[in-house]
Amino acid sequence: MNSESYAATRYFLEQVTVKRPYVTLELAILAVLNAKKSTKQSDGRMRHWASVTDPRDSTVRTLRVVTLADGKTIHNAFFDRDYIDE
């Protein structure tokens, strides 16, 4: 899969990127492409976790990205402080 086949929901573009401007669409796509774990939610959406470099301080953190059921439409993304690497 390449990053050109990805999209974002209106919620991601108008809410998430405003509230968390350091979480860009490009960073979220990179996380999905390099996910170390992915699971399906009960509503059909997908959760993806990946280690990424936080652009605010260059620390490697775990980013959780939620996509729609297609796995290619980014809906939400945030740094997951509670993620435990299995």
Protein backbone atom coordinates (compact mmCIF):
# COMPACT_ATOMS: atom_id res chain seq x y z
CA MET A 1 0.00 0.00 0.00
CA ASN A 2 1.20 3.50 -0.70
CA SER A 3 0.26 6.69 1.08
CA GLU A 4 -1.60 8.03 -1.98
CA SER A 5 -4.50 5.61 -1.37
CA TYR A 6 -5.27 7.12 2.06
CA ALA A 7 -7.88 9.73 3.00
CA ALA A 8 -9.13 11.44 6.15
CA THR A 9 -12.55 12.00 7.64
CA ARG A 10 -13.91 15.48 8.14
CA TYR A 11 -13.62 14.85 11.90
CA PHE A 12 -9.87 14.20 11.60
CA LEU A 13 -9.28 17.27 9.45
CA GLU A 14 -11.48 19.68 11.42
CA GLN A 15 -11.16 18.42 14.99
CA VAL A 16 -8.12 16.23 15.53
CA THR A 17 -5.59 18.31 13.62
CA VAL A 18 -6.87 21.48 15.30
CA LYS A 19 -6.71 19.99 18.81
CA ARG A 20 -3.41 18.18 18.13
CA PRO A 21 -1.61 20.11 15.36
CA TYR A 22 1.51 17.98 15.85
CA VAL A 23 -0.45 14.91 14.61
CA THR A 24 -0.47 15.40 10.86
CA LEU A 25 -2.19 13.28 8.27
CA GLU A 26 1.24 12.24 6.99
CA LEU A 27 2.28 11.07 10.47
CA ALA A 28 -0.96 9.11 10.87
CA ILE A 29 -0.52 7.42 7.48
CA LEU A 30 3.08 6.56 8.34
CA ALA A 31 1.84 4.95 11.56
CA VAL A 32 -0.76 2.84 9.75
CA LEU A 33 1.80 1.72 7.17
CA ASN A 34 4.25 0.75 9.93
CA ALA A 35 1.84 -0.51 12.60
CA LYS A 36 3.27 -2.94 15.11
CA LYS A 37 -0.26 -3.97 16.10
CA SER A 38 -3.72 -3.60 14.55
CA THR A 39 -7.08 -4.67 15.91
CA LYS A 40 -10.70 -4.37 14.85
CA GLN A 41 -13.13 -2.47 17.08
CA SER A 42 -16.69 -3.65 17.70
CA ASP A 43 -17.99 -0.89 15.40
CA GLY A 44 -15.81 -2.15 12.52
CA ARG A 45 -13.20 0.58 12.75
CA MET A 46 -9.56 -0.40 13.00
CA ARG A 47 -7.00 0.60 15.63
CA HIS A 48 -3.34 0.75 14.66
CA TRP A 49 -0.37 1.35 16.98
CA ALA A 50 3.08 2.38 15.78
CA SER A 51 6.24 3.88 17.19
CA VAL A 52 6.78 7.34 15.72
CA THR A 53 8.94 10.32 16.53
CA ASP A 54 6.96 13.03 18.28
CA PRO A 55 7.67 16.22 16.31
CA ARG A 56 7.38 18.34 19.47
CA ASP A 57 10.45 16.92 21.20
CA SER A 58 11.87 14.14 18.97
CA THR A 59 10.93 11.45 21.50
CA VAL A 60 9.79 8.09 20.16
CA ARG A 61 6.22 7.49 21.31
CA THR A 62 3.34 5.17 20.44
CA LEU A 63 0.75 6.73 18.16
CA ARG A 64 -2.70 5.14 18.02
CA VAL A 65 -4.51 5.75 14.76
CA VAL A 66 -8.16 4.84 14.25
CA THR A 67 -9.28 4.23 10.69
CA LEU A 68 -12.68 3.49 9.27
CA ALA A 69 -13.38 -0.17 8.43
CA ASP A 70 -11.61 0.22 5.08
CA GLY A 71 -8.30 0.65 6.94
CA LYS A 72 -7.40 3.59 4.70
CA THR A 73 -9.52 6.47 5.96
CA ILE A 74 -7.91 8.15 8.98
CA HIS A 75 -10.49 9.11 11.61
CA ASN A 76 -8.55 9.79 14.82
CA ALA A 77 -4.97 9.78 16.07
CA PHE A 78 -3.30 10.45 19.41
CA PHE A 79 -0.27 9.47 21.43
CA ASP A 80 -1.28 6.47 23.54
CA ARG A 81 0.41 6.74 26.93
CA ASP A 82 -1.26 3.52 28.13
CA TYR A 83 -0.04 1.24 25.31
CA ILE A 84 2.01 -1.69 26.57
CA ASP A 85 4.28 -3.38 24.04
CA GLU A 86 3.49 -7.09 24.03
